[in-house]
């Protein structure tokens, strides 16, 4: 993780950190959680932090 990614990680709520790290590692979180959780996390990350987990890193 770069320093910027580490700072972003620390600023995220605990419930979104796992999704963020999974996405950073190159995995698609869509296949690792329920559909509802994926879209809720995607919306939170995109609207509050500008991170779109629908697109690869």
PDB file of N, CA and C in Angstrom:
ATOM      1  N   UNK A   1       0.833  -1.181   0.000  1.00  0.00           N
ATOM      2  CA  UNK A   1       0.000   0.000   0.000  1.00  0.00           C
ATOM      3  C   UNK A   1       0.877   1.244   0.000  1.00  0.00           C
ATOM      4  N   UNK A   2       0.483   2.206  -0.785  1.00  0.00           N
ATOM      5  CA  UNK A   2       1.184   3.480  -0.764  1.00  0.00           C
ATOM      6  C   UNK A   2       0.765   4.261   0.476  1.00  0.00           C
ATOM      7  N   UNK A   3       1.455   5.348   0.739  1.00  0.00           N
ATOM      8  CA  UNK A   3       1.099   6.158   1.912  1.00  0.00           C
ATOM      9  C   UNK A   3      -0.299   6.746   1.763  1.00  0.00           C
ATOM     10  N   UNK A   4      -0.661   7.160   0.553  1.00  0.00           N
ATOM     11  CA  UNK A   4      -2.003   7.705   0.320  1.00  0.00           C
ATOM     12  C   UNK A   4      -3.073   6.648   0.564  1.00  0.00           C
ATOM     13  N   UNK A   5      -2.818   5.429   0.105  1.00  0.00           N
ATOM     14  CA  UNK A   5      -3.768   4.340   0.320  1.00  0.00           C
ATOM     15  C   UNK A   5      -3.884   4.002   1.808  1.00  0.00           C
ATOM     16  N   UNK A   6      -2.783   4.080   2.522  1.00  0.00           N
ATOM     17  CA  UNK A   6      -2.808   3.825   3.968  1.00  0.00           C
ATOM     18  C   UNK A   6      -3.635   4.889   4.688  1.00  0.00           C
ATOM     19  N   UNK A   7      -3.464   6.146   4.295  1.00  0.00           N
ATOM     20  CA  UNK A   7      -4.246   7.218   4.912  1.00  0.00           C
ATOM     21  C   UNK A   7      -5.730   7.066   4.608  1.00  0.00           C
ATOM     22  N   UNK A   8      -6.032   6.709   3.373  1.00  0.00           N
ATOM     23  CA  UNK A   8      -7.429   6.474   3.008  1.00  0.00           C
ATOM     24  C   UNK A   8      -8.007   5.345   3.839  1.00  0.00           C
ATOM     25  N   UNK A   9      -7.237   4.266   3.975  1.00  0.00           N
ATOM     26  CA  UNK A   9      -7.670   3.119   4.768  1.00  0.00           C
ATOM     27  C   UNK A   9      -8.007   3.531   6.197  1.00  0.00           C
ATOM     28  N   UNK A  10      -7.156   4.332   6.806  1.00  0.00           N
ATOM     29  CA  UNK A  10      -7.365   4.750   8.193  1.00  0.00           C
ATOM     30  C   UNK A  10      -8.560   5.688   8.350  1.00  0.00           C
ATOM     31  N   UNK A  11      -8.902   6.411   7.302  1.00  0.00           N
ATOM     32  CA  UNK A  11     -10.037   7.335   7.359  1.00  0.00           C
ATOM     33  C   UNK A  11     -11.377   6.635   7.139  1.00  0.00           C
ATOM     34  N   UNK A  12     -11.335   5.442   6.582  1.00  0.00           N
ATOM     35  CA  UNK A  12     -12.576   4.719   6.296  1.00  0.00           C
ATOM     36  C   UNK A  12     -13.183   4.152   7.569  1.00  0.00           C
ATOM     37  N   UNK A  13     -14.507   4.052   7.600  1.00  0.00           N
ATOM     38  CA  UNK A  13     -15.145   3.336   8.710  1.00  0.00           C
ATOM     39  C   UNK A  13     -14.723   1.861   8.671  1.00  0.00           C
ATOM     40  N   UNK A  14     -14.711   1.231   9.812  1.00  0.00           N
ATOM     41  CA  UNK A  14     -14.269  -0.164   9.906  1.00  0.00           C
ATOM     42  C   UNK A  14     -15.049  -1.066   8.956  1.00  0.00           C
ATOM     43  N   UNK A  15     -16.343  -0.834   8.791  1.00  0.00           N
ATOM     44  CA  UNK A  15     -17.163  -1.706   7.951  1.00  0.00           C
ATOM     45  C   UNK A  15     -16.780  -1.653   6.471  1.00  0.00           C
ATOM     46  N   UNK A  16     -16.071  -0.592   6.038  1.00  0.00           N
ATOM     47  CA  UNK A  16     -15.689  -0.468   4.630  1.00  0.00           C
ATOM     48  C   UNK A  16     -14.236  -0.848   4.364  1.00  0.00           C
ATOM     49  N   UNK A  17     -13.451  -1.000   5.403  1.00  0.00           N
ATOM     50  CA  UNK A  17     -12.020  -1.270   5.229  1.00  0.00           C
ATOM     51  C   UNK A  17     -11.730  -2.580   4.516  1.00  0.00           C
ATOM     52  N   UNK A  18     -12.439  -3.633   4.876  1.00  0.00           N
ATOM     53  CA  UNK A  18     -12.216  -4.927   4.231  1.00  0.00           C
ATOM     54  C   UNK A  18     -12.532  -4.884   2.749  1.00  0.00           C
ATOM     55  N   UNK A  19     -13.599  -4.206   2.401  1.00  0.00           N
ATOM     56  CA  UNK A  19     -13.980  -4.073   0.991  1.00  0.00           C
ATOM     57  C   UNK A  19     -12.910  -3.291   0.237  1.00  0.00           C
ATOM     58  N   UNK A  20     -12.423  -2.214   0.835  1.00  0.00           N
ATOM     59  CA  UNK A  20     -11.389  -1.383   0.205  1.00  0.00           C
ATOM     60  C   UNK A  20     -10.099  -2.173  -0.024  1.00  0.00           C
ATOM     61  N   UNK A  21      -9.637  -2.898   0.989  1.00  0.00           N
ATOM     62  CA  UNK A  21      -8.402  -3.668   0.862  1.00  0.00           C
ATOM     63  C   UNK A  21      -8.562  -4.790  -0.160  1.00  0.00           C
ATOM     64  N   UNK A  22      -9.701  -5.438  -0.147  1.00  0.00           N
ATOM     65  CA  UNK A  22      -9.964  -6.498  -1.129  1.00  0.00           C
ATOM     66  C   UNK A  22      -9.874  -5.939  -2.536  1.00  0.00           C
ATOM     67  N   UNK A  23     -10.469  -4.788  -2.755  1.00  0.00           N
ATOM     68  CA  UNK A  23     -10.440  -4.128  -4.062  1.00  0.00           C
ATOM     69  C   UNK A  23      -9.015  -3.720  -4.438  1.00  0.00           C
ATOM     70  N   UNK A  24      -8.252  -3.186  -3.473  1.00  0.00           N
ATOM     71  CA  UNK A  24      -6.863  -2.801  -3.747  1.00  0.00           C
ATOM     72  C   UNK A  24      -6.007  -3.994  -4.153  1.00  0.00           C
ATOM     73  N   UNK A  25      -6.312  -5.147  -3.586  1.00  0.00           N
ATOM     74  CA  UNK A  25      -5.539  -6.356  -3.893  1.00  0.00           C
ATOM     75  C   UNK A  25      -5.879  -6.917  -5.273  1.00  0.00           C
ATOM     76  N   UNK A  26      -6.872  -6.333  -5.928  1.00  0.00           N
ATOM     77  CA  UNK A  26      -7.204  -6.764  -7.281  1.00  0.00           C
ATOM     78  C   UNK A  26      -8.372  -7.727  -7.372  1.00  0.00           C
ATOM     79  N   UNK A  27      -8.998  -8.022  -6.254  1.00  0.00           N
ATOM     80  CA  UNK A  27     -10.157  -8.904  -6.260  1.00  0.00           C
ATOM     81  C   UNK A  27     -11.420  -8.079  -6.467  1.00  0.00           C
ATOM     82  N   UNK A  28     -12.410  -8.688  -7.062  1.00  0.00           N
ATOM     83  CA  UNK A  28     -13.693  -8.025  -7.256  1.00  0.00           C
ATOM     84  C   UNK A  28     -14.570  -8.334  -6.044  1.00  0.00           C
ATOM     85  N   UNK A  29     -14.836  -7.341  -5.204  1.00  0.00           N
ATOM     86  CA  UNK A  29     -15.636  -7.579  -3.999  1.00  0.00           C
ATOM     87  C   UNK A  29     -17.046  -8.069  -4.303  1.00  0.00           C
ATOM     88  N   UNK A  30     -17.516  -7.870  -5.513  1.00  0.00           N
ATOM     89  CA  UNK A  30     -18.863  -8.298  -5.895  1.00  0.00           C
ATOM     90  C   UNK A  30     -19.059  -9.790  -5.647  1.00  0.00           C
ATOM     91  N   UNK A  31     -18.002 -10.562  -5.859  1.00  0.00           N
ATOM     92  CA  UNK A  31     -18.098 -12.013  -5.735  1.00  0.00           C
ATOM     93  C   UNK A  31     -17.811 -12.512  -4.318  1.00  0.00           C
ATOM     94  N   UNK A  32     -17.505 -11.606  -3.400  1.00  0.00           N
ATOM     95  CA  UNK A  32     -17.127 -12.005  -2.051  1.00  0.00           C
ATOM     96  C   UNK A  32     -18.138 -11.598  -0.982  1.00  0.00           C
ATOM     97  N   UNK A  33     -19.224 -10.968  -1.389  1.00  0.00           N
ATOM     98  CA  UNK A  33     -20.231 -10.511  -0.428  1.00  0.00           C
ATOM     99  C   UNK A  33     -21.595 -10.536  -1.094  1.00  0.00           C
ATOM    100  N   UNK A  34     -22.606 -10.323  -0.309  1.00  0.00           N
ATOM    101  CA  UNK A  34     -23.947 -10.312  -0.889  1.00  0.00           C
ATOM    102  C   UNK A  34     -24.085  -9.114  -1.828  1.00  0.00           C
ATOM    103  N   UNK A  35     -25.004  -9.244  -2.754  1.00  0.00           N
ATOM    104  CA  UNK A  35     -25.234  -8.183  -3.733  1.00  0.00           C
ATOM    105  C   UNK A  35     -25.606  -6.868  -3.043  1.00  0.00           C
ATOM    106  N   UNK A  36     -26.470  -6.955  -2.045  1.00  0.00           N
ATOM    107  CA  UNK A  36     -26.922  -5.757  -1.331  1.00  0.00           C
ATOM    108  C   UNK A  36     -25.758  -5.062  -0.616  1.00  0.00           C
ATOM    109  N   UNK A  37     -24.909  -5.860   0.033  1.00  0.00           N
ATOM    110  CA  UNK A  37     -23.759  -5.296   0.736  1.00  0.00           C
ATOM    111  C   UNK A  37     -22.795  -4.655  -0.249  1.00  0.00           C
ATOM    112  N   UNK A  38     -22.536  -5.328  -1.363  1.00  0.00           N
ATOM    113  CA  UNK A  38     -21.638  -4.777  -2.383  1.00  0.00           C
ATOM    114  C   UNK A  38     -22.117  -3.406  -2.833  1.00  0.00           C
ATOM    115  N   UNK A  39     -23.382  -3.286  -3.202  1.00  0.00           N
ATOM    116  CA  UNK A  39     -23.879  -2.008  -3.715  1.00  0.00           C
ATOM    117  C   UNK A  39     -23.953  -0.941  -2.620  1.00  0.00           C
ATOM    118  N   UNK A  40     -24.210  -1.328  -1.399  1.00  0.00           N
ATOM    119  CA  UNK A  40     -24.206  -0.368  -0.292  1.00  0.00           C
ATOM    120  C   UNK A  40     -22.786   0.145  -0.052  1.00  0.00           C
ATOM    121  N   UNK A  41     -21.805  -0.756  -0.046  1.00  0.00           N
ATOM    122  CA  UNK A  41     -20.412  -0.357   0.143  1.00  0.00           C
ATOM    123  C   UNK A  41     -19.925   0.475  -1.037  1.00  0.00           C
ATOM    124  N   UNK A  42     -20.311   0.083  -2.240  1.00  0.00           N
ATOM    125  CA  UNK A  42     -19.900   0.853  -3.416  1.00  0.00           C
ATOM    126  C   UNK A  42     -20.433   2.275  -3.334  1.00  0.00           C
ATOM    127  N   UNK A  43     -21.694   2.413  -2.976  1.00  0.00           N
ATOM    128  CA  UNK A  43     -22.296   3.743  -2.862  1.00  0.00           C
ATOM    129  C   UNK A  43     -21.598   4.577  -1.787  1.00  0.00           C
ATOM    130  N   UNK A  44     -21.346   3.990  -0.640  1.00  0.00           N
ATOM    131  CA  UNK A  44     -20.671   4.714   0.444  1.00  0.00           C
ATOM    132  C   UNK A  44     -19.259   5.138   0.032  1.00  0.00           C
ATOM    133  N   UNK A  45     -18.498   4.220  -0.537  1.00  0.00           N
ATOM    134  CA  UNK A  45     -17.130   4.535  -0.944  1.00  0.00           C
ATOM    135  C   UNK A  45     -17.091   5.582  -2.051  1.00  0.00           C
ATOM    136  N   UNK A  46     -18.013   5.498  -2.982  1.00  0.00           N
ATOM    137  CA  UNK A  46     -18.025   6.439  -4.100  1.00  0.00           C
ATOM    138  C   UNK A  46     -18.489   7.819  -3.674  1.00  0.00           C
ATOM    139  N   UNK A  47     -19.580   7.901  -2.944  1.00  0.00           N
ATOM    140  CA  UNK A  47     -20.142   9.209  -2.606  1.00  0.00           C
ATOM    141  C   UNK A  47     -19.341   9.947  -1.527  1.00  0.00           C
ATOM    142  N   UNK A  48     -18.775   9.224  -0.585  1.00  0.00           N
ATOM    143  CA  UNK A  48     -18.090   9.873   0.537  1.00  0.00           C
ATOM    144  C   UNK A  48     -16.575   9.977   0.357  1.00  0.00           C
ATOM    145  N   UNK A  49     -15.990   9.063  -0.436  1.00  0.00           N
ATOM    146  CA  UNK A  49     -14.527   9.005  -0.540  1.00  0.00           C
ATOM    147  C   UNK A  49     -14.016   9.032  -1.979  1.00  0.00           C
ATOM    148  N   UNK A  50     -14.907   9.018  -2.952  1.00  0.00           N
ATOM    149  CA  UNK A  50     -14.487   9.075  -4.357  1.00  0.00           C
ATOM    150  C   UNK A  50     -13.816   7.809  -4.861  1.00  0.00           C
ATOM    151  N   UNK A  51     -14.083   6.686  -4.222  1.00  0.00           N
ATOM    152  CA  UNK A  51     -13.502   5.398  -4.609  1.00  0.00           C
ATOM    153  C   UNK A  51     -14.579   4.560  -5.272  1.00  0.00           C
ATOM    154  N   UNK A  52     -14.340   4.179  -6.532  1.00  0.00           N
ATOM    155  CA  UNK A  52     -15.301   3.364  -7.255  1.00  0.00           C
ATOM    156  C   UNK A  52     -14.791   1.934  -7.378  1.00  0.00           C
ATOM    157  N   UNK A  53     -15.304   1.040  -6.572  1.00  0.00           N
ATOM    158  CA  UNK A  53     -14.830  -0.340  -6.552  1.00  0.00           C
ATOM    159  C   UNK A  53     -15.328  -1.144  -7.750  1.00  0.00           C
ATOM    160  N   UNK A  54     -16.153  -0.525  -8.592  1.00  0.00           N
ATOM    161  CA  UNK A  54     -16.622  -1.216  -9.796  1.00  0.00           C
ATOM    162  C   UNK A  54     -15.538  -1.233 -10.865  1.00  0.00           C
ATOM    163  N   UNK A  55     -14.538  -0.378 -10.723  1.00  0.00           N
ATOM    164  CA  UNK A  55     -13.440  -0.303 -11.687  1.00  0.00           C
ATOM    165  C   UNK A  55     -12.167  -0.847 -11.062  1.00  0.00           C
ATOM    166  N   UNK A  56     -11.409  -1.560 -11.857  1.00  0.00           N
ATOM    167  CA  UNK A  56     -10.151  -2.148 -11.384  1.00  0.00           C
ATOM    168  C   UNK A  56      -9.150  -1.058 -11.010  1.00  0.00           C
ATOM    169  N   UNK A  57      -8.245  -1.403 -10.116  1.00  0.00           N
ATOM    170  CA  UNK A  57      -7.184  -0.464  -9.681  1.00  0.00           C
ATOM    171  C   UNK A  57      -6.149  -0.384 -10.774  1.00  0.00           C
TER     172      UNK A  57
END
